[in-house]
């Protein structure tokens, strides 16, 4: 005689529990982001931060604080995880504190950077 384990279809209760867990994670991720003089667009392991120029702009994303320190021409100085970085558009990502930081764009009104978790960090 052979005992076989049956496979049971996903029950509505399990699906509802999974949905609630997913919603809770989404709310937790959103609650982990805050900004002043900046806007953020975050995924699970990367965020784009758009800083307004001419104000003290900062954002907390992925558990680290980012600040716009200054911008001149196409060179920008930002502070990420307590370290200042000088970035230019088109340069390779700069690594700091387990994150990769790139400068996406600079205009007279805004500075846009991308901060992502470093796969090796």
PDB file of N, CA and C in Angstrom:
ATOM      1  N   UNK A   1       0.830  -1.161   0.000  1.00  0.00           N
ATOM      2  CA  UNK A   1       0.000   0.000   0.000  1.00  0.00           C
ATOM      3  C   UNK A   1       0.888   1.243   0.000  1.00  0.00           C
ATOM      4  N   UNK A   2       0.513   2.229  -0.776  1.00  0.00           N
ATOM      5  CA  UNK A   2       1.299   3.445  -0.920  1.00  0.00           C
ATOM      6  C   UNK A   2       0.502   4.628  -0.385  1.00  0.00           C
ATOM      7  N   UNK A   3       1.177   5.409   0.442  1.00  0.00           N
ATOM      8  CA  UNK A   3       0.552   6.643   0.930  1.00  0.00           C
ATOM      9  C   UNK A   3       0.959   7.783   0.019  1.00  0.00           C
ATOM     10  N   UNK A   4      -0.007   8.512  -0.449  1.00  0.00           N
ATOM     11  CA  UNK A   4       0.271   9.669  -1.289  1.00  0.00           C
ATOM     12  C   UNK A   4      -0.281  10.920  -0.621  1.00  0.00           C
ATOM     13  N   UNK A   5       0.500  11.933  -0.690  1.00  0.00           N
ATOM     14  CA  UNK A   5       0.025  13.213  -0.176  1.00  0.00           C
ATOM     15  C   UNK A   5      -0.812  13.874  -1.254  1.00  0.00           C
ATOM     16  N   UNK A   6      -1.920  14.356  -0.865  1.00  0.00           N
ATOM     17  CA  UNK A   6      -2.779  15.057  -1.813  1.00  0.00           C
ATOM     18  C   UNK A   6      -2.360  16.502  -1.924  1.00  0.00           C
ATOM     19  N   UNK A   7      -2.546  17.057  -3.084  1.00  0.00           N
ATOM     20  CA  UNK A   7      -2.306  18.482  -3.251  1.00  0.00           C
ATOM     21  C   UNK A   7      -3.647  19.175  -3.251  1.00  0.00           C
ATOM     22  N   UNK A   8      -3.758  20.140  -2.410  1.00  0.00           N
ATOM     23  CA  UNK A   8      -5.014  20.843  -2.253  1.00  0.00           C
ATOM     24  C   UNK A   8      -4.928  22.191  -2.938  1.00  0.00           C
ATOM     25  N   UNK A   9      -5.958  22.567  -3.646  1.00  0.00           N
ATOM     26  CA  UNK A   9      -5.935  23.884  -4.280  1.00  0.00           C
ATOM     27  C   UNK A   9      -5.893  24.983  -3.228  1.00  0.00           C
ATOM     28  N   UNK A  10      -5.361  26.097  -3.645  1.00  0.00           N
ATOM     29  CA  UNK A  10      -5.267  27.241  -2.750  1.00  0.00           C
ATOM     30  C   UNK A  10      -6.673  27.650  -2.302  1.00  0.00           C
ATOM     31  N   UNK A  11      -6.845  27.746  -1.011  1.00  0.00           N
ATOM     32  CA  UNK A  11      -8.158  28.099  -0.474  1.00  0.00           C
ATOM     33  C   UNK A  11      -8.345  29.607  -0.494  1.00  0.00           C
ATOM     34  N   UNK A  12      -9.583  30.064  -0.480  1.00  0.00           N
ATOM     35  CA  UNK A  12      -9.813  31.512  -0.433  1.00  0.00           C
ATOM     36  C   UNK A  12      -9.162  32.164   0.782  1.00  0.00           C
ATOM     37  N   UNK A  13      -9.111  31.446   1.898  1.00  0.00           N
ATOM     38  CA  UNK A  13      -8.491  32.005   3.097  1.00  0.00           C
ATOM     39  C   UNK A  13      -7.001  32.218   2.889  1.00  0.00           C
ATOM     40  N   UNK A  14      -6.332  31.258   2.252  1.00  0.00           N
ATOM     41  CA  UNK A  14      -4.900  31.395   1.988  1.00  0.00           C
ATOM     42  C   UNK A  14      -4.639  32.538   1.011  1.00  0.00           C
ATOM     43  N   UNK A  15      -5.456  32.636  -0.020  1.00  0.00           N
ATOM     44  CA  UNK A  15      -5.287  33.718  -0.987  1.00  0.00           C
ATOM     45  C   UNK A  15      -5.490  35.076  -0.318  1.00  0.00           C
ATOM     46  N   UNK A  16      -6.487  35.174   0.528  1.00  0.00           N
ATOM     47  CA  UNK A  16      -6.746  36.435   1.229  1.00  0.00           C
ATOM     48  C   UNK A  16      -5.581  36.780   2.149  1.00  0.00           C
ATOM     49  N   UNK A  17      -5.049  35.772   2.833  1.00  0.00           N
ATOM     50  CA  UNK A  17      -3.909  36.009   3.722  1.00  0.00           C
ATOM     51  C   UNK A  17      -2.702  36.478   2.924  1.00  0.00           C
ATOM     52  N   UNK A  18      -2.475  35.881   1.769  1.00  0.00           N
ATOM     53  CA  UNK A  18      -1.358  36.293   0.919  1.00  0.00           C
ATOM     54  C   UNK A  18      -1.538  37.714   0.415  1.00  0.00           C
ATOM     55  N   UNK A  19      -2.758  38.045   0.038  1.00  0.00           N
ATOM     56  CA  UNK A  19      -3.050  39.397  -0.428  1.00  0.00           C
ATOM     57  C   UNK A  19      -2.821  40.416   0.681  1.00  0.00           C
ATOM     58  N   UNK A  20      -3.295  40.102   1.889  1.00  0.00           N
ATOM     59  CA  UNK A  20      -3.097  41.019   3.016  1.00  0.00           C
ATOM     60  C   UNK A  20      -1.618  41.187   3.347  1.00  0.00           C
ATOM     61  N   UNK A  21      -0.856  40.092   3.270  1.00  0.00           N
ATOM     62  CA  UNK A  21       0.581  40.176   3.541  1.00  0.00           C
ATOM     63  C   UNK A  21       1.260  41.064   2.504  1.00  0.00           C
ATOM     64  N   UNK A  22       0.861  40.915   1.232  1.00  0.00           N
ATOM     65  CA  UNK A  22       1.424  41.757   0.179  1.00  0.00           C
ATOM     66  C   UNK A  22       1.088  43.222   0.371  1.00  0.00           C
ATOM     67  N   UNK A  23      -0.146  43.500   0.750  1.00  0.00           N
ATOM     68  CA  UNK A  23      -0.551  44.885   1.005  1.00  0.00           C
ATOM     69  C   UNK A  23       0.212  45.472   2.184  1.00  0.00           C
ATOM     70  N   UNK A  24       0.400  44.676   3.227  1.00  0.00           N
ATOM     71  CA  UNK A  24       1.139  45.152   4.397  1.00  0.00           C
ATOM     72  C   UNK A  24       2.576  45.492   4.025  1.00  0.00           C
ATOM     73  N   UNK A  25       3.198  44.665   3.174  1.00  0.00           N
ATOM     74  CA  UNK A  25       4.566  44.940   2.733  1.00  0.00           C
ATOM     75  C   UNK A  25       4.615  46.236   1.931  1.00  0.00           C
ATOM     76  N   UNK A  26       3.635  46.432   1.049  1.00  0.00           N
ATOM     77  CA  UNK A  26       3.586  47.659   0.258  1.00  0.00           C
ATOM     78  C   UNK A  26       3.447  48.891   1.127  1.00  0.00           C
ATOM     79  N   UNK A  27       2.587  48.827   2.124  1.00  0.00           N
ATOM     80  CA  UNK A  27       2.410  49.952   3.042  1.00  0.00           C
ATOM     81  C   UNK A  27       3.691  50.206   3.822  1.00  0.00           C
ATOM     82  N   UNK A  28       4.360  49.144   4.244  1.00  0.00           N
ATOM     83  CA  UNK A  28       5.612  49.295   4.987  1.00  0.00           C
ATOM     84  C   UNK A  28       6.673  49.962   4.120  1.00  0.00           C
ATOM     85  N   UNK A  29       6.739  49.586   2.843  1.00  0.00           N
ATOM     86  CA  UNK A  29       7.718  50.207   1.951  1.00  0.00           C
ATOM     87  C   UNK A  29       7.425  51.687   1.764  1.00  0.00           C
ATOM     88  N   UNK A  30       6.166  52.024   1.572  1.00  0.00           N
ATOM     89  CA  UNK A  30       5.805  53.415   1.392  1.00  0.00           C
ATOM     90  C   UNK A  30       6.037  54.217   2.657  1.00  0.00           C
ATOM     91  N   UNK A  31       5.767  53.621   3.797  1.00  0.00           N
ATOM     92  CA  UNK A  31       5.966  54.317   5.065  1.00  0.00           C
ATOM     93  C   UNK A  31       7.443  54.572   5.324  1.00  0.00           C
ATOM     94  N   UNK A  32       8.329  53.770   4.705  1.00  0.00           N
ATOM     95  CA  UNK A  32       9.758  53.919   4.901  1.00  0.00           C
ATOM     96  C   UNK A  32      10.366  55.061   4.099  1.00  0.00           C
ATOM     97  N   UNK A  33       9.593  55.712   3.254  1.00  0.00           N
ATOM     98  CA  UNK A  33      10.078  56.813   2.438  1.00  0.00           C
ATOM     99  C   UNK A  33       9.497  58.116   2.947  1.00  0.00           C
ATOM    100  N   UNK A  34      10.352  59.118   3.076  1.00  0.00           N
ATOM    101  CA  UNK A  34       9.871  60.446   3.414  1.00  0.00           C
ATOM    102  C   UNK A  34      10.747  61.443   2.681  1.00  0.00           C
ATOM    103  N   UNK A  35      10.213  62.621   2.426  1.00  0.00           N
ATOM    104  CA  UNK A  35      11.010  63.600   1.700  1.00  0.00           C
ATOM    105  C   UNK A  35      10.591  65.015   2.042  1.00  0.00           C
ATOM    106  N   UNK A  36      11.525  65.935   1.787  1.00  0.00           N
ATOM    107  CA  UNK A  36      11.285  67.370   1.952  1.00  0.00           C
ATOM    108  C   UNK A  36      11.991  68.064   0.795  1.00  0.00           C
ATOM    109  N   UNK A  37      11.236  68.723  -0.052  1.00  0.00           N
ATOM    110  CA  UNK A  37      11.821  69.361  -1.219  1.00  0.00           C
ATOM    111  C   UNK A  37      12.255  68.363  -2.273  1.00  0.00           C
ATOM    112  N   UNK A  38      11.674  67.164  -2.203  1.00  0.00           N
ATOM    113  CA  UNK A  38      12.042  66.106  -3.145  1.00  0.00           C
ATOM    114  C   UNK A  38      10.848  65.180  -3.335  1.00  0.00           C
ATOM    115  N   UNK A  39      10.863  64.457  -4.439  1.00  0.00           N
ATOM    116  CA  UNK A  39       9.857  63.420  -4.652  1.00  0.00           C
ATOM    117  C   UNK A  39      10.581  62.114  -4.911  1.00  0.00           C
ATOM    118  N   UNK A  40       9.925  61.007  -4.578  1.00  0.00           N
ATOM    119  CA  UNK A  40      10.546  59.695  -4.729  1.00  0.00           C
ATOM    120  C   UNK A  40       9.645  58.768  -5.526  1.00  0.00           C
ATOM    121  N   UNK A  41      10.286  57.841  -6.226  1.00  0.00           N
ATOM    122  CA  UNK A  41       9.591  56.784  -6.954  1.00  0.00           C
ATOM    123  C   UNK A  41      10.373  55.511  -6.674  1.00  0.00           C
ATOM    124  N   UNK A  42       9.813  54.651  -5.813  1.00  0.00           N
ATOM    125  CA  UNK A  42      10.570  53.503  -5.328  1.00  0.00           C
ATOM    126  C   UNK A  42       9.977  52.163  -5.748  1.00  0.00           C
ATOM    127  N   UNK A  43      10.872  51.218  -5.959  1.00  0.00           N
ATOM    128  CA  UNK A  43      10.529  49.825  -6.148  1.00  0.00           C
ATOM    129  C   UNK A  43      11.088  49.055  -4.961  1.00  0.00           C
ATOM    130  N   UNK A  44      11.218  47.746  -5.110  1.00  0.00           N
ATOM    131  CA  UNK A  44      11.694  46.931  -3.999  1.00  0.00           C
ATOM    132  C   UNK A  44      13.148  47.209  -3.645  1.00  0.00           C
ATOM    133  N   UNK A  45      14.009  47.424  -4.645  1.00  0.00           N
ATOM    134  CA  UNK A  45      15.422  47.592  -4.336  1.00  0.00           C
ATOM    135  C   UNK A  45      16.070  48.798  -5.026  1.00  0.00           C
ATOM    136  N   UNK A  46      15.239  49.737  -5.505  1.00  0.00           N
ATOM    137  CA  UNK A  46      15.786  50.941  -6.130  1.00  0.00           C
ATOM    138  C   UNK A  46      14.780  52.080  -6.030  1.00  0.00           C
ATOM    139  N   UNK A  47      15.302  53.296  -5.941  1.00  0.00           N
ATOM    140  CA  UNK A  47      14.459  54.493  -5.903  1.00  0.00           C
ATOM    141  C   UNK A  47      15.056  55.562  -6.792  1.00  0.00           C
ATOM    142  N   UNK A  48      14.176  56.324  -7.406  1.00  0.00           N
ATOM    143  CA  UNK A  48      14.582  57.536  -8.104  1.00  0.00           C
ATOM    144  C   UNK A  48      14.142  58.697  -7.227  1.00  0.00           C
ATOM    145  N   UNK A  49      15.078  59.585  -6.946  1.00  0.00           N
ATOM    146  CA  UNK A  49      14.788  60.756  -6.118  1.00  0.00           C
ATOM    147  C   UNK A  49      14.962  61.993  -6.985  1.00  0.00           C
ATOM    148  N   UNK A  50      13.936  62.822  -7.033  1.00  0.00           N
ATOM    149  CA  UNK A  50      13.994  64.084  -7.765  1.00  0.00           C
ATOM    150  C   UNK A  50      14.013  65.207  -6.750  1.00  0.00           C
ATOM    151  N   UNK A  51      15.165  65.875  -6.653  1.00  0.00           N
ATOM    152  CA  UNK A  51      15.341  66.977  -5.708  1.00  0.00           C
ATOM    153  C   UNK A  51      14.959  68.283  -6.384  1.00  0.00           C
ATOM    154  N   UNK A  52      14.270  69.155  -5.669  1.00  0.00           N
ATOM    155  CA  UNK A  52      14.033  70.516  -6.130  1.00  0.00           C
ATOM    156  C   UNK A  52      15.285  71.327  -5.820  1.00  0.00           C
ATOM    157  N   UNK A  53      15.734  72.113  -6.789  1.00  0.00           N
ATOM    158  CA  UNK A  53      16.902  72.962  -6.561  1.00  0.00           C
ATOM    159  C   UNK A  53      16.477  74.256  -5.896  1.00  0.00           C
ATOM    160  N   UNK A  54      17.379  74.859  -5.129  1.00  0.00           N
ATOM    161  CA  UNK A  54      17.112  76.134  -4.492  1.00  0.00           C
ATOM    162  C   UNK A  54      16.471  76.004  -3.116  1.00  0.00           C
ATOM    163  N   UNK A  55      16.272  74.764  -2.644  1.00  0.00           N
ATOM    164  CA  UNK A  55      15.729  74.530  -1.306  1.00  0.00           C
ATOM    165  C   UNK A  55      16.579  73.456  -0.640  1.00  0.00           C
ATOM    166  N   UNK A  56      16.410  73.326   0.670  1.00  0.00           N
ATOM    167  CA  UNK A  56      17.079  72.222   1.357  1.00  0.00           C
ATOM    168  C   UNK A  56      16.288  70.960   1.063  1.00  0.00           C
ATOM    169  N   UNK A  57      16.793  70.157   0.144  1.00  0.00           N
ATOM    170  CA  UNK A  57      16.060  68.984  -0.313  1.00  0.00           C
ATOM    171  C   UNK A  57      16.692  67.710   0.231  1.00  0.00           C
ATOM    172  N   UNK A  58      15.830  66.832   0.760  1.00  0.00           N
ATOM    173  CA  UNK A  58      16.309  65.555   1.272  1.00  0.00           C
ATOM    174  C   UNK A  58      15.189  64.527   1.176  1.00  0.00           C
ATOM    175  N   UNK A  59      15.587  63.266   1.205  1.00  0.00           N
ATOM    176  CA  UNK A  59      14.621  62.171   1.191  1.00  0.00           C
ATOM    177  C   UNK A  59      15.228  60.978   1.901  1.00  0.00           C
ATOM    178  N   UNK A  60      14.402  60.254   2.618  1.00  0.00           N
ATOM    179  CA  UNK A  60      14.831  59.004   3.235  1.00  0.00           C
ATOM    180  C   UNK A  60      14.219  57.873   2.420  1.00  0.00           C
ATOM    181  N   UNK A  61      15.097  57.052   1.845  1.00  0.00           N
ATOM    182  CA  UNK A  61      14.663  55.957   0.986  1.00  0.00           C
ATOM    183  C   UNK A  61      15.491  54.724   1.292  1.00  0.00           C
ATOM    184  N   UNK A  62      14.888  53.568   1.167  1.00  0.00           N
ATOM    185  CA  UNK A  62      15.589  52.298   1.363  1.00  0.00           C
ATOM    186  C   UNK A  62      16.374  52.283   2.673  1.00  0.00           C
ATOM    187  N   UNK A  63      15.889  53.039   3.657  1.00  0.00           N
ATOM    188  CA  UNK A  63      16.527  53.072   4.971  1.00  0.00           C
ATOM    189  C   UNK A  63      17.710  54.017   5.091  1.00  0.00           C
ATOM    190  N   UNK A  64      17.991  54.822   4.054  1.00  0.00           N
ATOM    191  CA  UNK A  64      19.100  55.775   4.129  1.00  0.00           C
ATOM    192  C   UNK A  64      18.614  57.172   3.775  1.00  0.00           C
ATOM    193  N   UNK A  65      19.299  58.171   4.315  1.00  0.00           N
ATOM    194  CA  UNK A  65      18.953  59.553   4.004  1.00  0.00           C
ATOM    195  C   UNK A  65      19.788  60.024   2.820  1.00  0.00           C
ATOM    196  N   UNK A  66      19.130  60.720   1.899  1.00  0.00           N
ATOM    197  CA  UNK A  66      19.800  61.334   0.761  1.00  0.00           C
ATOM    198  C   UNK A  66      19.534  62.828   0.810  1.00  0.00           C
ATOM    199  N   UNK A  67      20.553  63.621   0.470  1.00  0.00           N
ATOM    200  CA  UNK A  67      20.412  65.084   0.478  1.00  0.00           C
ATOM    201  C   UNK A  67      21.086  65.655  -0.758  1.00  0.00           C
ATOM    202  N   UNK A  68      20.501  66.703  -1.283  1.00  0.00           N
ATOM    203  CA  UNK A  68      21.159  67.470  -2.329  1.00  0.00           C
ATOM    204  C   UNK A  68      22.018  68.518  -1.639  1.00  0.00           C
ATOM    205  N   UNK A  69      23.325  68.448  -1.851  1.00  0.00           N
ATOM    206  CA  UNK A  69      24.252  69.383  -1.225  1.00  0.00           C
ATOM    207  C   UNK A  69      24.459  70.592  -2.136  1.00  0.00           C
ATOM    208  N   UNK A  70      24.654  70.347  -3.431  1.00  0.00           N
ATOM    209  CA  UNK A  70      24.861  71.443  -4.354  1.00  0.00           C
ATOM    210  C   UNK A  70      24.917  70.954  -5.787  1.00  0.00           C
ATOM    211  N   UNK A  71      24.761  71.883  -6.714  1.00  0.00           N
ATOM    212  CA  UNK A  71      24.831  71.553  -8.133  1.00  0.00           C
ATOM    213  C   UNK A  71      25.432  72.730  -8.882  1.00  0.00           C
ATOM    214  N   UNK A  72      26.354  72.415  -9.792  1.00  0.00           N
ATOM    215  CA  UNK A  72      26.964  73.437 -10.624  1.00  0.00           C
ATOM    216  C   UNK A  72      27.184  72.823 -12.000  1.00  0.00           C
ATOM    217  N   UNK A  73      26.516  73.396 -12.985  1.00  0.00           N
ATOM    218  CA  UNK A  73      26.618  72.833 -14.333  1.00  0.00           C
ATOM    219  C   UNK A  73      26.044  71.431 -14.349  1.00  0.00           C
ATOM    220  N   UNK A  74      26.825  70.475 -14.887  1.00  0.00           N
ATOM    221  CA  UNK A  74      26.351  69.086 -14.925  1.00  0.00           C
ATOM    222  C   UNK A  74      26.943  68.247 -13.801  1.00  0.00           C
ATOM    223  N   UNK A  75      27.548  68.902 -12.812  1.00  0.00           N
ATOM    224  CA  UNK A  75      28.113  68.192 -11.666  1.00  0.00           C
ATOM    225  C   UNK A  75      27.273  68.483 -10.426  1.00  0.00           C
ATOM    226  N   UNK A  76      26.984  67.424  -9.698  1.00  0.00           N
ATOM    227  CA  UNK A  76      26.115  67.514  -8.529  1.00  0.00           C
ATOM    228  C   UNK A  76      26.823  66.870  -7.343  1.00  0.00           C
ATOM    229  N   UNK A  77      26.644  67.456  -6.169  1.00  0.00           N
ATOM    230  CA  UNK A  77      27.120  66.840  -4.934  1.00  0.00           C
ATOM    231  C   UNK A  77      25.900  66.441  -4.119  1.00  0.00           C
ATOM    232  N   UNK A  78      25.853  65.164  -3.764  1.00  0.00           N
ATOM    233  CA  UNK A  78      24.768  64.644  -2.935  1.00  0.00           C
ATOM    234  C   UNK A  78      25.383  63.931  -1.741  1.00  0.00           C
ATOM    235  N   UNK A  79      24.574  63.785  -0.716  1.00  0.00           N
ATOM    236  CA  UNK A  79      24.982  63.007   0.446  1.00  0.00           C
ATOM    237  C   UNK A  79      24.061  61.804   0.527  1.00  0.00           C
ATOM    238  N   UNK A  80      24.656  60.624   0.551  1.00  0.00           N
ATOM    239  CA  UNK A  80      23.898  59.375   0.637  1.00  0.00           C
ATOM    240  C   UNK A  80      24.515  58.544   1.751  1.00  0.00           C
ATOM    241  N   UNK A  81      23.689  58.133   2.697  1.00  0.00           N
ATOM    242  CA  UNK A  81      24.147  57.309   3.826  1.00  0.00           C
ATOM    243  C   UNK A  81      25.315  57.970   4.554  1.00  0.00           C
ATOM    244  N   UNK A  82      25.271  59.315   4.668  1.00  0.00           N
ATOM    245  CA  UNK A  82      26.289  60.030   5.424  1.00  0.00           C
ATOM    246  C   UNK A  82      27.558  60.349   4.666  1.00  0.00           C
ATOM    247  N   UNK A  83      27.655  59.967   3.400  1.00  0.00           N
ATOM    248  CA  UNK A  83      28.860  60.238   2.615  1.00  0.00           C
ATOM    249  C   UNK A  83      28.531  61.145   1.439  1.00  0.00           C
ATOM    250  N   UNK A  84      29.397  62.150   1.202  1.00  0.00           N
ATOM    251  CA  UNK A  84      29.189  63.052   0.067  1.00  0.00           C
ATOM    252  C   UNK A  84      29.795  62.466  -1.193  1.00  0.00           C
ATOM    253  N   UNK A  85      29.039  62.584  -2.277  1.00  0.00           N
ATOM    254  CA  UNK A  85      29.462  62.067  -3.575  1.00  0.00           C
ATOM    255  C   UNK A  85      29.367  63.179  -4.599  1.00  0.00           C
ATOM    256  N   UNK A  86      30.343  63.266  -5.507  1.00  0.00           N
ATOM    257  CA  UNK A  86      30.257  64.164  -6.651  1.00  0.00           C
ATOM    258  C   UNK A  86      29.909  63.307  -7.861  1.00  0.00           C
ATOM    259  N   UNK A  87      28.817  63.676  -8.541  1.00  0.00           N
ATOM    260  CA  UNK A  87      28.320  62.887  -9.654  1.00  0.00           C
ATOM    261  C   UNK A  87      28.157  63.754 -10.894  1.00  0.00           C
ATOM    262  N   UNK A  88      28.338  63.150 -12.063  1.00  0.00           N
ATOM    263  CA  UNK A  88      28.024  63.796 -13.325  1.00  0.00           C
ATOM    264  C   UNK A  88      27.124  62.863 -14.128  1.00  0.00           C
ATOM    265  N   UNK A  89      26.307  63.449 -14.987  1.00  0.00           N
ATOM    266  CA  UNK A  89      25.407  62.656 -15.819  1.00  0.00           C
ATOM    267  C   UNK A  89      26.241  61.749 -16.720  1.00  0.00           C
ATOM    268  N   UNK A  90      25.858  60.494 -16.781  1.00  0.00           N
ATOM    269  CA  UNK A  90      26.525  59.546 -17.671  1.00  0.00           C
ATOM    270  C   UNK A  90      27.664  58.766 -17.036  1.00  0.00           C
ATOM    271  N   UNK A  91      28.113  59.165 -15.850  1.00  0.00           N
ATOM    272  CA  UNK A  91      29.195  58.398 -15.230  1.00  0.00           C
ATOM    273  C   UNK A  91      28.649  57.111 -14.649  1.00  0.00           C
ATOM    274  N   UNK A  92      29.542  56.137 -14.482  1.00  0.00           N
ATOM    275  CA  UNK A  92      29.140  54.870 -13.884  1.00  0.00           C
ATOM    276  C   UNK A  92      28.673  55.095 -12.462  1.00  0.00           C
ATOM    277  N   UNK A  93      27.906  54.129 -11.956  1.00  0.00           N
ATOM    278  CA  UNK A  93      27.383  54.219 -10.594  1.00  0.00           C
ATOM    279  C   UNK A  93      28.525  54.320  -9.586  1.00  0.00           C
ATOM    280  N   UNK A  94      28.296  55.154  -8.578  1.00  0.00           N
ATOM    281  CA  UNK A  94      29.218  55.281  -7.463  1.00  0.00           C
ATOM    282  C   UNK A  94      28.654  54.456  -6.317  1.00  0.00           C
ATOM    283  N   UNK A  95      29.499  53.626  -5.712  1.00  0.00           N
ATOM    284  CA  UNK A  95      29.043  52.755  -4.637  1.00  0.00           C
ATOM    285  C   UNK A  95      29.315  53.392  -3.281  1.00  0.00           C
ATOM    286  N   UNK A  96      28.294  53.302  -2.414  1.00  0.00           N
ATOM    287  CA  UNK A  96      28.426  53.833  -1.060  1.00  0.00           C
ATOM    288  C   UNK A  96      27.476  53.066  -0.143  1.00  0.00           C
ATOM    289  N   UNK A  97      28.004  52.546   0.941  1.00  0.00           N
ATOM    290  CA  UNK A  97      27.182  51.890   1.958  1.00  0.00           C
ATOM    291  C   UNK A  97      26.260  50.793   1.443  1.00  0.00           C
ATOM    292  N   UNK A  98      26.697  50.013   0.475  1.00  0.00           N
ATOM    293  CA  UNK A  98      25.868  48.940  -0.058  1.00  0.00           C
ATOM    294  C   UNK A  98      24.867  49.391  -1.111  1.00  0.00           C
ATOM    295  N   UNK A  99      25.026  50.629  -1.598  1.00  0.00           N
ATOM    296  CA  UNK A  99      24.134  51.175  -2.613  1.00  0.00           C
ATOM    297  C   UNK A  99      24.936  51.657  -3.816  1.00  0.00           C
ATOM    298  N   UNK A 100      24.288  51.646  -4.972  1.00  0.00           N
ATOM    299  CA  UNK A 100      24.857  52.205  -6.193  1.00  0.00           C
ATOM    300  C   UNK A 100      24.066  53.469  -6.505  1.00  0.00           C
ATOM    301  N   UNK A 101      24.775  54.575  -6.730  1.00  0.00           N
ATOM    302  CA  UNK A 101      24.128  55.880  -6.944  1.00  0.00           C
ATOM    303  C   UNK A 101      24.544  56.419  -8.310  1.00  0.00           C
ATOM    304  N   UNK A 102      23.547  56.826  -9.101  1.00  0.00           N
ATOM    305  CA  UNK A 102      23.819  57.447 -10.394  1.00  0.00           C
ATOM    306  C   UNK A 102      23.031  58.745 -10.507  1.00  0.00           C
ATOM    307  N   UNK A 103      23.577  59.655 -11.304  1.00  0.00           N
ATOM    308  CA  UNK A 103      22.897  60.912 -11.588  1.00  0.00           C
ATOM    309  C   UNK A 103      22.187  60.760 -12.922  1.00  0.00           C
ATOM    310  N   UNK A 104      20.856  60.836 -12.892  1.00  0.00           N
ATOM    311  CA  UNK A 104      20.065  60.677 -14.112  1.00  0.00           C
ATOM    312  C   UNK A 104      19.980  61.964 -14.915  1.00  0.00           C
ATOM    313  N   UNK A 105      19.715  63.097 -14.236  1.00  0.00           N
ATOM    314  CA  UNK A 105      19.562  64.355 -14.971  1.00  0.00           C
ATOM    315  C   UNK A 105      19.721  65.556 -14.050  1.00  0.00           C
ATOM    316  N   UNK A 106      20.076  66.686 -14.673  1.00  0.00           N
ATOM    317  CA  UNK A 106      20.208  67.956 -13.965  1.00  0.00           C
ATOM    318  C   UNK A 106      19.543  69.023 -14.831  1.00  0.00           C
ATOM    319  N   UNK A 107      18.633  69.781 -14.236  1.00  0.00           N
ATOM    320  CA  UNK A 107      18.049  70.947 -14.912  1.00  0.00           C
ATOM    321  C   UNK A 107      18.173  72.137 -13.971  1.00  0.00           C
ATOM    322  N   UNK A 108      17.709  73.300 -14.423  1.00  0.00           N
ATOM    323  CA  UNK A 108      17.738  74.488 -13.570  1.00  0.00           C
ATOM    324  C   UNK A 108      16.818  74.337 -12.362  1.00  0.00           C
ATOM    325  N   UNK A 109      15.793  73.488 -12.488  1.00  0.00           N
ATOM    326  CA  UNK A 109      14.807  73.322 -11.419  1.00  0.00           C
ATOM    327  C   UNK A 109      15.001  72.071 -10.570  1.00  0.00           C
ATOM    328  N   UNK A 110      15.562  71.002 -11.172  1.00  0.00           N
ATOM    329  CA  UNK A 110      15.596  69.717 -10.465  1.00  0.00           C
ATOM    330  C   UNK A 110      16.875  68.931 -10.726  1.00  0.00           C
ATOM    331  N   UNK A 111      17.156  68.033  -9.767  1.00  0.00           N
ATOM    332  CA  UNK A 111      18.243  67.055  -9.894  1.00  0.00           C
ATOM    333  C   UNK A 111      17.628  65.685  -9.624  1.00  0.00           C
ATOM    334  N   UNK A 112      17.891  64.734 -10.526  1.00  0.00           N
ATOM    335  CA  UNK A 112      17.314  63.401 -10.375  1.00  0.00           C
ATOM    336  C   UNK A 112      18.429  62.370 -10.248  1.00  0.00           C
ATOM    337  N   UNK A 113      18.402  61.621  -9.126  1.00  0.00           N
ATOM    338  CA  UNK A 113      19.379  60.543  -8.919  1.00  0.00           C
ATOM    339  C   UNK A 113      18.636  59.220  -8.768  1.00  0.00           C
ATOM    340  N   UNK A 114      19.386  58.149  -8.982  1.00  0.00           N
ATOM    341  CA  UNK A 114      18.851  56.800  -8.781  1.00  0.00           C
ATOM    342  C   UNK A 114      19.733  56.110  -7.753  1.00  0.00           C
ATOM    343  N   UNK A 115      19.092  55.555  -6.728  1.00  0.00           N
ATOM    344  CA  UNK A 115      19.783  54.835  -5.668  1.00  0.00           C
ATOM    345  C   UNK A 115      19.248  53.415  -5.664  1.00  0.00           C
ATOM    346  N   UNK A 116      20.158  52.447  -5.819  1.00  0.00           N
ATOM    347  CA  UNK A 116      19.722  51.049  -5.821  1.00  0.00           C
ATOM    348  C   UNK A 116      20.599  50.226  -4.897  1.00  0.00           C
ATOM    349  N   UNK A 117      19.995  49.191  -4.368  1.00  0.00           N
ATOM    350  CA  UNK A 117      20.778  48.282  -3.517  1.00  0.00           C
ATOM    351  C   UNK A 117      21.820  47.604  -4.385  1.00  0.00           C
ATOM    352  N   UNK A 118      23.031  47.549  -3.875  1.00  0.00           N
ATOM    353  CA  UNK A 118      24.128  46.917  -4.594  1.00  0.00           C
ATOM    354  C   UNK A 118      23.969  45.409  -4.474  1.00  0.00           C
ATOM    355  N   UNK A 119      23.911  44.709  -5.585  1.00  0.00           N
ATOM    356  CA  UNK A 119      23.743  43.256  -5.578  1.00  0.00           C
ATOM    357  C   UNK A 119      24.868  42.552  -4.827  1.00  0.00           C
ATOM    358  N   UNK A 120      26.055  43.152  -4.797  1.00  0.00           N
ATOM    359  CA  UNK A 120      27.197  42.552  -4.101  1.00  0.00           C
ATOM    360  C   UNK A 120      27.290  42.982  -2.659  1.00  0.00           C
ATOM    361  N   UNK A 121      26.499  44.002  -2.265  1.00  0.00           N
ATOM    362  CA  UNK A 121      26.622  44.558  -0.911  1.00  0.00           C
ATOM    363  C   UNK A 121      25.692  43.939  -0.012  1.00  0.00           C
TER     364      UNK A 121
END
